Amino acid sequence: MPDRTTDFFVALETRVWEALAAGDPDADRALLSDDFVGLYPEGFATRDEHAAELADGPTVGAYRISQERVIEVAPDSVLLCYRADYEPAGGGAPEAMYVSSLWVERAGRWWNTFSQDCVATA
């Protein structure tokens, strides 16, 4: 199965983080499916709500993805799980979270259809 390496999906996920770091809502929206659902400590978010968080600029400064794992859910679906250590844009204490992102291939293109973040306590 082509393009199913951990590196491939980390590269896709990195594009989402780069959009957050650049404050680029269009780049963010371009990676999320129309039916995207984000599940965060604050609640649910649609694709447009996720991208709207960037209306005032970047939300993330420096970041690092580690502890990556890929789980094949179906022939066209992969769950990427990882730890993200990052600094909020504009300063603030470093934060960490564990993330699960569901990437689904539709018409030959990979889309982020679901993402869930939970605060890392360890």
PDB file of N, CA and C in Angstrom:
ATOM      1  N   MET A   1       0.829  -1.172   0.000  1.00  0.00           N
ATOM      2  CA  MET A   1       0.000   0.000   0.000  1.00  0.00           C
ATOM      3  C   MET A   1       0.882   1.246   0.000  1.00  0.00           C
ATOM      4  N   PRO A   2       0.828   2.025  -1.062  1.00  0.00           N
ATOM      5  CA  PRO A   2       1.716   3.175  -1.201  1.00  0.00           C
ATOM      6  C   PRO A   2       1.376   4.301  -0.230  1.00  0.00           C
ATOM      7  N   ASP A   3       2.393   5.084   0.075  1.00  0.00           N
ATOM      8  CA  ASP A   3       2.224   6.295   0.884  1.00  0.00           C
ATOM      9  C   ASP A   3       1.653   6.039   2.269  1.00  0.00           C
ATOM     10  N   ARG A   4       1.930   4.888   2.845  1.00  0.00           N
ATOM     11  CA  ARG A   4       1.375   4.594   4.170  1.00  0.00           C
ATOM     12  C   ARG A   4       2.462   4.520   5.232  1.00  0.00           C
ATOM     13  N   THR A   5       3.540   5.208   5.023  1.00  0.00           N
ATOM     14  CA  THR A   5       4.612   5.200   6.010  1.00  0.00           C
ATOM     15  C   THR A   5       4.327   6.246   7.086  1.00  0.00           C
ATOM     16  N   THR A   6       4.913   6.043   8.225  1.00  0.00           N
ATOM     17  CA  THR A   6       4.777   7.020   9.302  1.00  0.00           C
ATOM     18  C   THR A   6       5.281   8.383   8.835  1.00  0.00           C
ATOM     19  N   ASP A   7       6.410   8.402   8.136  1.00  0.00           N
ATOM     20  CA  ASP A   7       6.971   9.669   7.660  1.00  0.00           C
ATOM     21  C   ASP A   7       5.994  10.417   6.753  1.00  0.00           C
ATOM     22  N   PHE A   8       5.283   9.683   5.910  1.00  0.00           N
ATOM     23  CA  PHE A   8       4.321  10.305   5.000  1.00  0.00           C
ATOM     24  C   PHE A   8       3.236  11.046   5.782  1.00  0.00           C
ATOM     25  N   PHE A   9       2.677  10.385   6.789  1.00  0.00           N
ATOM     26  CA  PHE A   9       1.588  11.002   7.551  1.00  0.00           C
ATOM     27  C   PHE A   9       2.085  12.094   8.500  1.00  0.00           C
ATOM     28  N   VAL A  10       3.284  11.939   9.012  1.00  0.00           N
ATOM     29  CA  VAL A  10       3.864  13.014   9.823  1.00  0.00           C
ATOM     30  C   VAL A  10       4.081  14.248   8.942  1.00  0.00           C
ATOM     31  N   ALA A  11       4.483  14.043   7.698  1.00  0.00           N
ATOM     32  CA  ALA A  11       4.661  15.176   6.784  1.00  0.00           C
ATOM     33  C   ALA A  11       3.328  15.880   6.526  1.00  0.00           C
ATOM     34  N   LEU A  12       2.256  15.114   6.342  1.00  0.00           N
ATOM     35  CA  LEU A  12       0.936  15.732   6.180  1.00  0.00           C
ATOM     36  C   LEU A  12       0.549  16.520   7.428  1.00  0.00           C
ATOM     37  N   GLU A  13       0.731  15.907   8.578  1.00  0.00           N
ATOM     38  CA  GLU A  13       0.374  16.554   9.845  1.00  0.00           C
ATOM     39  C   GLU A  13       1.228  17.796  10.083  1.00  0.00           C
ATOM     40  N   THR A  14       2.485  17.739   9.675  1.00  0.00           N
ATOM     41  CA  THR A  14       3.377  18.890   9.808  1.00  0.00           C
ATOM     42  C   THR A  14       2.852  20.073   9.003  1.00  0.00           C
ATOM     43  N   ARG A  15       2.230  19.804   7.870  1.00  0.00           N
ATOM     44  CA  ARG A  15       1.647  20.889   7.075  1.00  0.00           C
ATOM     45  C   ARG A  15       0.532  21.594   7.853  1.00  0.00           C
ATOM     46  N   VAL A  16      -0.233  20.845   8.643  1.00  0.00           N
ATOM     47  CA  VAL A  16      -1.253  21.468   9.493  1.00  0.00           C
ATOM     48  C   VAL A  16      -0.575  22.362  10.532  1.00  0.00           C
ATOM     49  N   TRP A  17       0.460  21.829  11.190  1.00  0.00           N
ATOM     50  CA  TRP A  17       1.184  22.616  12.199  1.00  0.00           C
ATOM     51  C   TRP A  17       1.831  23.851  11.577  1.00  0.00           C
ATOM     52  N   GLU A  18       2.350  23.725  10.372  1.00  0.00           N
ATOM     53  CA  GLU A  18       2.959  24.878   9.693  1.00  0.00           C
ATOM     54  C   GLU A  18       1.910  25.951   9.409  1.00  0.00           C
ATOM     55  N   ALA A  19       0.692  25.536   9.060  1.00  0.00           N
ATOM     56  CA  ALA A  19      -0.388  26.504   8.857  1.00  0.00           C
ATOM     57  C   ALA A  19      -0.709  27.226  10.162  1.00  0.00           C
ATOM     58  N   LEU A  20      -0.717  26.491  11.276  1.00  0.00           N
ATOM     59  CA  LEU A  20      -0.961  27.104  12.587  1.00  0.00           C
ATOM     60  C   LEU A  20       0.153  28.083  12.940  1.00  0.00           C
ATOM     61  N   ALA A  21       1.399  27.703  12.646  1.00  0.00           N
ATOM     62  CA  ALA A  21       2.552  28.550  12.964  1.00  0.00           C
ATOM     63  C   ALA A  21       2.618  29.782  12.063  1.00  0.00           C
ATOM     64  N   ALA A  22       2.110  29.651  10.840  1.00  0.00           N
ATOM     65  CA  ALA A  22       2.122  30.777   9.901  1.00  0.00           C
ATOM     66  C   ALA A  22       0.872  31.647  10.035  1.00  0.00           C
ATOM     67  N   GLY A  23      -0.133  31.152  10.742  1.00  0.00           N
ATOM     68  CA  GLY A  23      -1.396  31.883  10.823  1.00  0.00           C
ATOM     69  C   GLY A  23      -2.113  31.903   9.490  1.00  0.00           C
ATOM     70  N   ASP A  24      -2.052  30.787   8.764  1.00  0.00           N
ATOM     71  CA  ASP A  24      -2.590  30.700   7.405  1.00  0.00           C
ATOM     72  C   ASP A  24      -3.870  29.859   7.381  1.00  0.00           C
ATOM     73  N   PRO A  25      -5.043  30.496   7.494  1.00  0.00           N
ATOM     74  CA  PRO A  25      -6.286  29.727   7.523  1.00  0.00           C
ATOM     75  C   PRO A  25      -6.568  28.981   6.223  1.00  0.00           C
ATOM     76  N   ASP A  26      -6.126  29.523   5.085  1.00  0.00           N
ATOM     77  CA  ASP A  26      -6.369  28.845   3.812  1.00  0.00           C
ATOM     78  C   ASP A  26      -5.571  27.549   3.712  1.00  0.00           C
ATOM     79  N   ALA A  27      -4.311  27.580   4.146  1.00  0.00           N
ATOM     80  CA  ALA A  27      -3.491  26.363   4.139  1.00  0.00           C
ATOM     81  C   ALA A  27      -4.070  25.335   5.098  1.00  0.00           C
ATOM     82  N   ASP A  28      -4.563  25.783   6.235  1.00  0.00           N
ATOM     83  CA  ASP A  28      -5.186  24.893   7.211  1.00  0.00           C
ATOM     84  C   ASP A  28      -6.429  24.247   6.614  1.00  0.00           C
ATOM     85  N   ARG A  29      -7.311  25.056   6.063  1.00  0.00           N
ATOM     86  CA  ARG A  29      -8.565  24.578   5.482  1.00  0.00           C
ATOM     87  C   ARG A  29      -8.305  23.603   4.329  1.00  0.00           C
ATOM     88  N   ALA A  30      -7.232  23.817   3.575  1.00  0.00           N
ATOM     89  CA  ALA A  30      -6.923  22.969   2.422  1.00  0.00           C
ATOM     90  C   ALA A  30      -6.549  21.543   2.814  1.00  0.00           C
ATOM     91  N   LEU A  31      -6.200  21.325   4.073  1.00  0.00           N
ATOM     92  CA  LEU A  31      -5.810  19.989   4.539  1.00  0.00           C
ATOM     93  C   LEU A  31      -6.944  19.251   5.241  1.00  0.00           C
ATOM     94  N   LEU A  32      -7.987  19.982   5.625  1.00  0.00           N
ATOM     95  CA  LEU A  32      -9.089  19.400   6.383  1.00  0.00           C
ATOM     96  C   LEU A  32     -10.270  19.117   5.458  1.00  0.00           C
ATOM     97  N   SER A  33     -10.916  17.980   5.653  1.00  0.00           N
ATOM     98  CA  SER A  33     -12.068  17.617   4.827  1.00  0.00           C
ATOM     99  C   SER A  33     -13.266  18.504   5.149  1.00  0.00           C
ATOM    100  N   ASP A  34     -14.214  18.551   4.216  1.00  0.00           N
ATOM    101  CA  ASP A  34     -15.442  19.327   4.435  1.00  0.00           C
ATOM    102  C   ASP A  34     -16.175  18.871   5.687  1.00  0.00           C
ATOM    103  N   ASP A  35     -16.086  17.577   5.987  1.00  0.00           N
ATOM    104  CA  ASP A  35     -16.791  17.019   7.143  1.00  0.00           C
ATOM    105  C   ASP A  35     -15.872  16.842   8.355  1.00  0.00           C
ATOM    106  N   PHE A  36     -14.769  17.576   8.383  1.00  0.00           N
ATOM    107  CA  PHE A  36     -13.811  17.496   9.488  1.00  0.00           C
ATOM    108  C   PHE A  36     -14.489  17.752  10.827  1.00  0.00           C
ATOM    109  N   VAL A  37     -14.066  16.970  11.824  1.00  0.00           N
ATOM    110  CA  VAL A  37     -14.490  17.183  13.207  1.00  0.00           C
ATOM    111  C   VAL A  37     -13.237  17.235  14.073  1.00  0.00           C
ATOM    112  N   GLY A  38     -13.097  18.307  14.809  1.00  0.00           N
ATOM    113  CA  GLY A  38     -12.030  18.418  15.799  1.00  0.00           C
ATOM    114  C   GLY A  38     -12.637  18.262  17.178  1.00  0.00           C
ATOM    115  N   LEU A  39     -11.965  17.516  18.029  1.00  0.00           N
ATOM    116  CA  LEU A  39     -12.432  17.320  19.402  1.00  0.00           C
ATOM    117  C   LEU A  39     -11.328  17.792  20.335  1.00  0.00           C
ATOM    118  N   TYR A  40     -11.615  18.859  21.054  1.00  0.00           N
ATOM    119  CA  TYR A  40     -10.615  19.527  21.865  1.00  0.00           C
ATOM    120  C   TYR A  40     -11.147  19.733  23.281  1.00  0.00           C
ATOM    121  N   PRO A  41     -10.285  20.107  24.216  1.00  0.00           N
ATOM    122  CA  PRO A  41     -10.764  20.345  25.580  1.00  0.00           C
ATOM    123  C   PRO A  41     -11.913  21.366  25.635  1.00  0.00           C
ATOM    124  N   GLU A  42     -11.939  22.288  24.665  1.00  0.00           N
ATOM    125  CA  GLU A  42     -12.984  23.312  24.620  1.00  0.00           C
ATOM    126  C   GLU A  42     -14.266  22.815  23.977  1.00  0.00           C
ATOM    127  N   GLY A  43     -14.224  21.670  23.286  1.00  0.00           N
ATOM    128  CA  GLY A  43     -15.402  21.138  22.598  1.00  0.00           C
ATOM    129  C   GLY A  43     -15.096  20.770  21.159  1.00  0.00           C
ATOM    130  N   PHE A  44     -16.145  20.693  20.353  1.00  0.00           N
ATOM    131  CA  PHE A  44     -16.032  20.299  18.953  1.00  0.00           C
ATOM    132  C   PHE A  44     -15.714  21.499  18.069  1.00  0.00           C
ATOM    133  N   ALA A  45     -15.102  21.218  16.900  1.00  0.00           N
ATOM    134  CA  ALA A  45     -14.837  22.258  15.911  1.00  0.00           C
ATOM    135  C   ALA A  45     -15.008  21.678  14.514  1.00  0.00           C
ATOM    136  N   THR A  46     -15.610  22.456  13.626  1.00  0.00           N
ATOM    137  CA  THR A  46     -15.700  22.105  12.218  1.00  0.00           C
ATOM    138  C   THR A  46     -14.429  22.584  11.512  1.00  0.00           C
ATOM    139  N   ARG A  47     -14.329  22.288  10.236  1.00  0.00           N
ATOM    140  CA  ARG A  47     -13.180  22.763   9.465  1.00  0.00           C
ATOM    141  C   ARG A  47     -13.108  24.288   9.502  1.00  0.00           C
ATOM    142  N   ASP A  48     -14.230  24.952   9.258  1.00  0.00           N
ATOM    143  CA  ASP A  48     -14.218  26.413   9.233  1.00  0.00           C
ATOM    144  C   ASP A  48     -13.908  27.005  10.602  1.00  0.00           C
ATOM    145  N   GLU A  49     -14.391  26.375  11.652  1.00  0.00           N
ATOM    146  CA  GLU A  49     -14.086  26.856  13.005  1.00  0.00           C
ATOM    147  C   GLU A  49     -12.606  26.668  13.332  1.00  0.00           C
ATOM    148  N   HIS A  50     -12.041  25.551  12.889  1.00  0.00           N
ATOM    149  CA  HIS A  50     -10.615  25.296  13.101  1.00  0.00           C
ATOM    150  C   HIS A  50      -9.785  26.364  12.392  1.00  0.00           C
ATOM    151  N   ALA A  51     -10.125  26.644  11.137  1.00  0.00           N
ATOM    152  CA  ALA A  51      -9.384  27.640  10.362  1.00  0.00           C
ATOM    153  C   ALA A  51      -9.603  29.054  10.903  1.00  0.00           C
ATOM    154  N   ALA A  52     -10.788  29.331  11.421  1.00  0.00           N
ATOM    155  CA  ALA A  52     -11.099  30.671  11.936  1.00  0.00           C
ATOM    156  C   ALA A  52     -10.228  31.050  13.128  1.00  0.00           C
ATOM    157  N   GLU A  53      -9.693  30.064  13.824  1.00  0.00           N
ATOM    158  CA  GLU A  53      -8.800  30.356  14.947  1.00  0.00           C
ATOM    159  C   GLU A  53      -7.551  31.102  14.491  1.00  0.00           C
ATOM    160  N   LEU A  54      -7.277  31.065  13.190  1.00  0.00           N
ATOM    161  CA  LEU A  54      -6.081  31.711  12.646  1.00  0.00           C
ATOM    162  C   LEU A  54      -6.367  33.105  12.100  1.00  0.00           C
ATOM    163  N   ALA A  55      -7.585  33.581  12.247  1.00  0.00           N
ATOM    164  CA  ALA A  55      -7.964  34.887  11.699  1.00  0.00           C
ATOM    165  C   ALA A  55      -7.098  36.018  12.242  1.00  0.00           C
ATOM    166  N   ASP A  56      -6.637  35.875  13.469  1.00  0.00           N
ATOM    167  CA  ASP A  56      -5.805  36.916  14.083  1.00  0.00           C
ATOM    168  C   ASP A  56      -4.320  36.591  14.029  1.00  0.00           C
ATOM    169  N   GLY A  57      -3.956  35.587  13.243  1.00  0.00           N
ATOM    170  CA  GLY A  57      -2.550  35.243  13.102  1.00  0.00           C
ATOM    171  C   GLY A  57      -2.218  33.889  13.690  1.00  0.00           C
ATOM    172  N   PRO A  58      -0.935  33.601  13.798  1.00  0.00           N
ATOM    173  CA  PRO A  58      -0.475  32.288  14.275  1.00  0.00           C
ATOM    174  C   PRO A  58      -0.985  31.970  15.678  1.00  0.00           C
ATOM    175  N   THR A  59      -1.212  30.691  15.909  1.00  0.00           N
ATOM    176  CA  THR A  59      -1.594  30.231  17.247  1.00  0.00           C
ATOM    177  C   THR A  59      -0.471  29.443  17.904  1.00  0.00           C
ATOM    178  N   VAL A  60       0.529  29.084  17.113  1.00  0.00           N
ATOM    179  CA  VAL A  60       1.631  28.248  17.587  1.00  0.00           C
ATOM    180  C   VAL A  60       2.948  28.868  17.165  1.00  0.00           C
ATOM    181  N   GLY A  61       3.931  28.820  18.065  1.00  0.00           N
ATOM    182  CA  GLY A  61       5.286  29.218  17.717  1.00  0.00           C
ATOM    183  C   GLY A  61       6.066  27.973  17.329  1.00  0.00           C
ATOM    184  N   ALA A  62       7.112  27.693  18.050  1.00  0.00           N
ATOM    185  CA  ALA A  62       7.907  26.487  17.799  1.00  0.00           C
ATOM    186  C   ALA A  62       7.118  25.255  18.234  1.00  0.00           C
ATOM    187  N   TYR A  63       7.350  24.138  17.541  1.00  0.00           N
ATOM    188  CA  TYR A  63       6.674  22.889  17.889  1.00  0.00           C
ATOM    189  C   TYR A  63       7.562  21.702  17.533  1.00  0.00           C
ATOM    190  N   ARG A  64       7.252  20.576  18.144  1.00  0.00           N
ATOM    191  CA  ARG A  64       7.973  19.334  17.841  1.00  0.00           C
ATOM    192  C   ARG A  64       6.993  18.174  17.955  1.00  0.00           C
ATOM    193  N   ILE A  65       6.997  17.324  16.937  1.00  0.00           N
ATOM    194  CA  ILE A  65       6.179  16.109  16.910  1.00  0.00           C
ATOM    195  C   ILE A  65       7.080  14.935  17.265  1.00  0.00           C
ATOM    196  N   SER A  66       6.621  14.079  18.180  1.00  0.00           N
ATOM    197  CA  SER A  66       7.416  12.906  18.573  1.00  0.00           C
ATOM    198  C   SER A  66       6.486  11.744  18.915  1.00  0.00           C
ATOM    199  N   GLN A  67       7.071  10.611  19.181  1.00  0.00           N
ATOM    200  CA  GLN A  67       6.353   9.397  19.580  1.00  0.00           C
ATOM    201  C   GLN A  67       5.274   9.006  18.563  1.00  0.00           C
ATOM    202  N   GLU A  68       5.567   9.167  17.291  1.00  0.00           N
ATOM    203  CA  GLU A  68       4.599   8.928  16.232  1.00  0.00           C
ATOM    204  C   GLU A  68       4.242   7.450  16.110  1.00  0.00           C
ATOM    205  N   ARG A  69       2.964   7.202  15.875  1.00  0.00           N
ATOM    206  CA  ARG A  69       2.461   5.851  15.609  1.00  0.00           C
ATOM    207  C   ARG A  69       1.391   5.946  14.534  1.00  0.00           C
ATOM    208  N   VAL A  70       1.391   4.982  13.632  1.00  0.00           N
ATOM    209  CA  VAL A  70       0.382   4.927  12.579  1.00  0.00           C
ATOM    210  C   VAL A  70      -0.393   3.627  12.727  1.00  0.00           C
ATOM    211  N   ILE A  71      -1.712   3.743  12.700  1.00  0.00           N
ATOM    212  CA  ILE A  71      -2.596   2.583  12.778  1.00  0.00           C
ATOM    213  C   ILE A  71      -3.473   2.594  11.536  1.00  0.00           C
ATOM    214  N   GLU A  72      -3.404   1.518  10.738  1.00  0.00           N
ATOM    215  CA  GLU A  72      -4.288   1.422   9.579  1.00  0.00           C
ATOM    216  C   GLU A  72      -5.674   1.018  10.072  1.00  0.00           C
ATOM    217  N   VAL A  73      -6.640   1.887   9.844  1.00  0.00           N
ATOM    218  CA  VAL A  73      -8.010   1.655  10.294  1.00  0.00           C
ATOM    219  C   VAL A  73      -8.812   0.931   9.220  1.00  0.00           C
ATOM    220  N   ALA A  74      -8.559   1.272   7.966  1.00  0.00           N
ATOM    221  CA  ALA A  74      -9.227   0.677   6.807  1.00  0.00           C
ATOM    222  C   ALA A  74      -8.301   0.880   5.618  1.00  0.00           C
ATOM    223  N   PRO A  75      -8.598   0.273   4.475  1.00  0.00           N
ATOM    224  CA  PRO A  75      -7.705   0.437   3.324  1.00  0.00           C
ATOM    225  C   PRO A  75      -7.466   1.890   2.916  1.00  0.00           C
ATOM    226  N   ASP A  76      -8.403   2.776   3.228  1.00  0.00           N
ATOM    227  CA  ASP A  76      -8.254   4.181   2.848  1.00  0.00           C
ATOM    228  C   ASP A  76      -8.174   5.121   4.048  1.00  0.00           C
ATOM    229  N   SER A  77      -7.905   4.574   5.229  1.00  0.00           N
ATOM    230  CA  SER A  77      -7.927   5.393   6.449  1.00  0.00           C
ATOM    231  C   SER A  77      -6.789   5.024   7.387  1.00  0.00           C
ATOM    232  N   VAL A  78      -6.105   6.049   7.873  1.00  0.00           N
ATOM    233  CA  VAL A  78      -4.980   5.846   8.779  1.00  0.00           C
ATOM    234  C   VAL A  78      -5.116   6.804   9.961  1.00  0.00           C
ATOM    235  N   LEU A  79      -4.879   6.277  11.148  1.00  0.00           N
ATOM    236  CA  LEU A  79      -4.888   7.087  12.362  1.00  0.00           C
ATOM    237  C   LEU A  79      -3.444   7.363  12.755  1.00  0.00           C
ATOM    238  N   LEU A  80      -3.080   8.636  12.798  1.00  0.00           N
ATOM    239  CA  LEU A  80      -1.755   9.060  13.237  1.00  0.00           C
ATOM    240  C   LEU A  80      -1.876   9.544  14.674  1.00  0.00           C
ATOM    241  N   CYS A  81      -1.110   8.945  15.566  1.00  0.00           N
ATOM    242  CA  CYS A  81      -1.091   9.338  16.980  1.00  0.00           C
ATOM    243  C   CYS A  81       0.317   9.821  17.312  1.00  0.00           C
ATOM    244  N   TYR A  82       0.417  10.891  18.085  1.00  0.00           N
ATOM    245  CA  TYR A  82       1.732  11.434  18.414  1.00  0.00           C
ATOM    246  C   TYR A  82       1.641  12.392  19.592  1.00  0.00           C
ATOM    247  N   ARG A  83       2.807  12.781  20.068  1.00  0.00           N
ATOM    248  CA  ARG A  83       2.921  13.817  21.093  1.00  0.00           C
ATOM    249  C   ARG A  83       3.394  15.095  20.409  1.00  0.00           C
ATOM    250  N   ALA A  84       2.800  16.212  20.786  1.00  0.00           N
ATOM    251  CA  ALA A  84       3.214  17.517  20.283  1.00  0.00           C
ATOM    252  C   ALA A  84       3.647  18.378  21.458  1.00  0.00           C
ATOM    253  N   ASP A  85       4.871  18.857  21.404  1.00  0.00           N
ATOM    254  CA  ASP A  85       5.382  19.832  22.365  1.00  0.00           C
ATOM    255  C   ASP A  85       5.488  21.150  21.609  1.00  0.00           C
ATOM    256  N   TYR A  86       4.928  22.211  22.172  1.00  0.00           N
ATOM    257  CA  TYR A  86       4.886  23.468  21.430  1.00  0.00           C
ATOM    258  C   TYR A  86       4.851  24.667  22.366  1.00  0.00           C
ATOM    259  N   GLU A  87       5.147  25.809  21.764  1.00  0.00           N
ATOM    260  CA  GLU A  87       5.058  27.086  22.458  1.00  0.00           C
ATOM    261  C   GLU A  87       3.927  27.877  21.813  1.00  0.00           C
ATOM    262  N   PRO A  88       3.032  28.433  22.603  1.00  0.00           N
ATOM    263  CA  PRO A  88       1.974  29.263  22.028  1.00  0.00           C
ATOM    264  C   PRO A  88       2.578  30.477  21.313  1.00  0.00           C
ATOM    265  N   ALA A  89       1.937  30.908  20.238  1.00  0.00           N
ATOM    266  CA  ALA A  89       2.390  32.111  19.540  1.00  0.00           C
ATOM    267  C   ALA A  89       2.315  33.293  20.495  1.00  0.00           C
ATOM    268  N   GLY A  90       3.291  34.157  20.422  1.00  0.00           N
ATOM    269  CA  GLY A  90       3.296  35.336  21.275  1.00  0.00           C
ATOM    270  C   GLY A  90       3.823  35.092  22.670  1.00  0.00           C
ATOM    271  N   GLY A  91       4.355  33.910  22.910  1.00  0.00           N
ATOM    272  CA  GLY A  91       4.930  33.621  24.219  1.00  0.00           C
ATOM    273  C   GLY A  91       4.026  32.765  25.073  1.00  0.00           C
ATOM    274  N   GLY A  92       4.437  32.603  26.281  1.00  0.00           N
ATOM    275  CA  GLY A  92       3.698  31.734  27.187  1.00  0.00           C
ATOM    276  C   GLY A  92       4.491  30.483  27.478  1.00  0.00           C
ATOM    277  N   ALA A  93       4.052  29.771  28.485  1.00  0.00           N
ATOM    278  CA  ALA A  93       4.746  28.552  28.898  1.00  0.00           C
ATOM    279  C   ALA A  93       4.588  27.463  27.838  1.00  0.00           C
ATOM    280  N   PRO A  94       5.640  26.668  27.629  1.00  0.00           N
ATOM    281  CA  PRO A  94       5.527  25.538  26.706  1.00  0.00           C
ATOM    282  C   PRO A  94       4.399  24.606  27.143  1.00  0.00           C
ATOM    283  N   GLU A  95       3.758  23.991  26.163  1.00  0.00           N
ATOM    284  CA  GLU A  95       2.664  23.068  26.416  1.00  0.00           C
ATOM    285  C   GLU A  95       2.921  21.766  25.675  1.00  0.00           C
ATOM    286  N   ALA A  96       2.206  20.721  26.073  1.00  0.00           N
ATOM    287  CA  ALA A  96       2.327  19.424  25.402  1.00  0.00           C
ATOM    288  C   ALA A  96       0.957  18.773  25.350  1.00  0.00           C
ATOM    289  N   MET A  97       0.725  18.036  24.271  1.00  0.00           N
ATOM    290  CA  MET A  97      -0.521  17.290  24.145  1.00  0.00           C
ATOM    291  C   MET A  97      -0.286  16.042  23.314  1.00  0.00           C
ATOM    292  N   TYR A  98      -1.171  15.096  23.497  1.00  0.00           N
ATOM    293  CA  TYR A  98      -1.212  13.916  22.648  1.00  0.00           C
ATOM    294  C   TYR A  98      -2.313  14.144  21.629  1.00  0.00           C
ATOM    295  N   VAL A  99      -2.026  13.782  20.383  1.00  0.00           N
ATOM    296  CA  VAL A  99      -2.942  14.057  19.282  1.00  0.00           C
ATOM    297  C   VAL A  99      -3.220  12.772  18.518  1.00  0.00           C
ATOM    298  N   SER A 100      -4.467  12.602  18.115  1.00  0.00           N
ATOM    299  CA  SER A 100      -4.868  11.540  17.191  1.00  0.00           C
ATOM    300  C   SER A 100      -5.507  12.217  15.994  1.00  0.00           C
ATOM    301  N   SER A 101      -4.986  11.955  14.804  1.00  0.00           N
ATOM    302  CA  SER A 101      -5.534  12.532  13.580  1.00  0.00           C
ATOM    303  C   SER A 101      -5.881  11.416  12.611  1.00  0.00           C
ATOM    304  N   LEU A 102      -7.110  11.435  12.140  1.00  0.00           N
ATOM    305  CA  LEU A 102      -7.571  10.439  11.175  1.00  0.00           C
ATOM    306  C   LEU A 102      -7.434  11.020   9.776  1.00  0.00           C
ATOM    307  N   TRP A 103      -6.606  10.372   8.970  1.00  0.00           N
ATOM    308  CA  TRP A 103      -6.394  10.776   7.585  1.00  0.00           C
ATOM    309  C   TRP A 103      -7.090   9.765   6.683  1.00  0.00           C
ATOM    310  N   VAL A 104      -7.905  10.273   5.738  1.00  0.00           N
ATOM    311  CA  VAL A 104      -8.684   9.424   4.845  1.00  0.00           C
ATOM    312  C   VAL A 104      -8.372   9.808   3.404  1.00  0.00           C
ATOM    313  N   GLU A 105      -8.158   8.793   2.575  1.00  0.00           N
ATOM    314  CA  GLU A 105      -7.896   9.029   1.160  1.00  0.00           C
ATOM    315  C   GLU A 105      -9.222   9.045   0.407  1.00  0.00           C
ATOM    316  N   ARG A 106      -9.452  10.149  -0.291  1.00  0.00           N
ATOM    317  CA  ARG A 106     -10.662  10.304  -1.101  1.00  0.00           C
ATOM    318  C   ARG A 106     -10.249  10.816  -2.472  1.00  0.00           C
ATOM    319  N   ALA A 107     -10.622  10.075  -3.503  1.00  0.00           N
ATOM    320  CA  ALA A 107     -10.307  10.463  -4.885  1.00  0.00           C
ATOM    321  C   ALA A 107      -8.816  10.745  -5.059  1.00  0.00           C
ATOM    322  N   GLY A 108      -7.981   9.889  -4.450  1.00  0.00           N
ATOM    323  CA  GLY A 108      -6.540   9.991  -4.625  1.00  0.00           C
ATOM    324  C   GLY A 108      -5.847  11.045  -3.783  1.00  0.00           C
ATOM    325  N   ARG A 109      -6.564  11.668  -2.865  1.00  0.00           N
ATOM    326  CA  ARG A 109      -5.979  12.718  -2.022  1.00  0.00           C
ATOM    327  C   ARG A 109      -6.259  12.414  -0.558  1.00  0.00           C
ATOM    328  N   TRP A 110      -5.270  12.699   0.295  1.00  0.00           N
ATOM    329  CA  TRP A 110      -5.418  12.465   1.725  1.00  0.00           C
ATOM    330  C   TRP A 110      -5.968  13.705   2.413  1.00  0.00           C
ATOM    331  N   TRP A 111      -6.986  13.494   3.264  1.00  0.00           N
ATOM    332  CA  TRP A 111      -7.649  14.560   4.006  1.00  0.00           C
ATOM    333  C   TRP A 111      -7.629  14.251   5.491  1.00  0.00           C
ATOM    334  N   ASN A 112      -7.436  15.269   6.294  1.00  0.00           N
ATOM    335  CA  ASN A 112      -7.577  15.126   7.743  1.00  0.00           C
ATOM    336  C   ASN A 112      -9.068  15.259   8.046  1.00  0.00           C
ATOM    337  N   THR A 113      -9.690  14.166   8.507  1.00  0.00           N
ATOM    338  CA  THR A 113     -11.133  14.157   8.734  1.00  0.00           C
ATOM    339  C   THR A 113     -11.509  14.285  10.203  1.00  0.00           C
ATOM    340  N   PHE A 114     -10.562  13.979  11.088  1.00  0.00           N
ATOM    341  CA  PHE A 114     -10.842  14.018  12.524  1.00  0.00           C
ATOM    342  C   PHE A 114      -9.539  14.244  13.268  1.00  0.00           C
ATOM    343  N   SER A 115      -9.604  15.049  14.308  1.00  0.00           N
ATOM    344  CA  SER A 115      -8.440  15.257  15.159  1.00  0.00           C
ATOM    345  C   SER A 115      -8.905  15.431  16.591  1.00  0.00           C
ATOM    346  N   GLN A 116      -8.197  14.784  17.508  1.00  0.00           N
ATOM    347  CA  GLN A 116      -8.500  14.927  18.930  1.00  0.00           C
ATOM    348  C   GLN A 116      -7.211  15.215  19.676  1.00  0.00           C
ATOM    349  N   ASP A 117      -7.247  16.239  20.521  1.00  0.00           N
ATOM    350  CA  ASP A 117      -6.102  16.614  21.344  1.00  0.00           C
ATOM    351  C   ASP A 117      -6.442  16.361  22.803  1.00  0.00           C
ATOM    352  N   CYS A 118      -5.474  15.859  23.542  1.00  0.00           N
ATOM    353  CA  CYS A 118      -5.642  15.774  24.998  1.00  0.00           C
ATOM    354  C   CYS A 118      -4.341  16.244  25.647  1.00  0.00           C
ATOM    355  N   VAL A 119      -4.494  16.978  26.713  1.00  0.00           N
ATOM    356  CA  VAL A 119      -3.352  17.564  27.407  1.00  0.00           C
ATOM    357  C   VAL A 119      -2.443  16.457  27.932  1.00  0.00           C
ATOM    358  N   ALA A 120      -1.151  16.613  27.689  1.00  0.00           N
ATOM    359  CA  ALA A 120      -0.164  15.656  28.201  1.00  0.00           C
ATOM    360  C   ALA A 120       0.196  16.043  29.630  1.00  0.00           C
ATOM    361  N   THR A 121       0.074  15.100  30.529  1.00  0.00           N
ATOM    362  CA  THR A 121       0.415  15.369  31.930  1.00  0.00           C
ATOM    363  C   THR A 121       1.723  14.702  32.329  1.00  0.00           C
ATOM    364  N   ALA A 122       2.289  13.942  31.422  1.00  0.00           N
ATOM    365  CA  ALA A 122       3.565  13.271  31.710  1.00  0.00           C
ATOM    366  C   ALA A 122       4.538  13.489  30.572  1.00  0.00           C
TER     367      ALA A 122
END
